[in-house]
Amino acid sequence: MLLFLLPQADYDPTESSVPWQALHDAGIEVRFATPHGLPAYADARLVDIGFGPLNSLLMTRREDLQHYAAMTADESFRSPMAYAGVDPEQFEGLVIPGGHAKGMRSLLESEAARRIVRHFFDAEKPVAAVCHGVLLLARTPDADNARSVLHGRKVTALLANTMELPAWLVTAPWLGRYYRTYPQTVQAEVTAALARPNDFLPGPLFPQRDSADKPQRGFTVRDGNLLTARWPGDCHRFAAELVSMVRQTRGIQTPSRADWKVGMH
């Protein structure tokens, strides 16, 4: 059984529901947790409000909204746990979607969420995060409170110069800081938590959106039991890699940190 951590609102519908759908189709049970144990819904602008003339560029794709509709109709989604009530021992893996609107801060700034994350790293269980979700990992200190749990790992996350900043610039005239969750970019904060700057892997110079029939267009980074991706355009690849990682963990004993190898896709 896998645990999905959601904020109180404003996460990305693609980054949550595409992995959920893949796990559901694979027969892997999922439970949700939110800050107060209430159902949490995705960023309304990405679901139905839209961006006017920029809809084709920024809006969630119709097929991914169908996955989101299925996820929100599921009983596990409608009856989430509160972060404080989560016993991470009960779960074999953790998934953290991203999102950039203000509601995401209820996840990214939660000490209870960090407690949950720390368990999965300490227990060497699968952890998968995409976009702003990687920020929660960067902000989670290790067991010694000396550095981030990402220190010594290779990861990816939302890119500053080709994703976060351009989206902010084209929408700022009417949406202000909607695309800037924090003054520092995701890439800058995540990179600062790593052992070396080149442990952040940006992927191809010109990102392409993947799809169910073309997952190879996506980009993910797998470092042992940790899987990360950059944006909604990676999520079909991310979902397939997540299912594979869970199945591998179930089928064989997880190797020690010293034996793990990094896979970039």
Foldseek 3Di string as FASTA:
>chain_A
DEEEEDEQEAFALLQPQLLVVLCVVVVHDYAYEYAAFAQYYHRCCQQPVDDVPCRVPRHDDPVSSVSSVVVCVDPRNHGHHHLVPDDLVVHQEYEYGGGQAQRRCRQQVDPSNLVSVQVCLVVVGAYEYEACRVSSQQPRAHPVSPAGSQEPAAFEEADDPQGQPVVCVVCCVPPNCRSPNDPDHPLVSSCVRYNHNVSYDHPDPDQDAADLVGLVSFKWKDWQSYIYGYDSSNNNVSSVVVVVSVVVVVVDPRDDNVPTDMDID
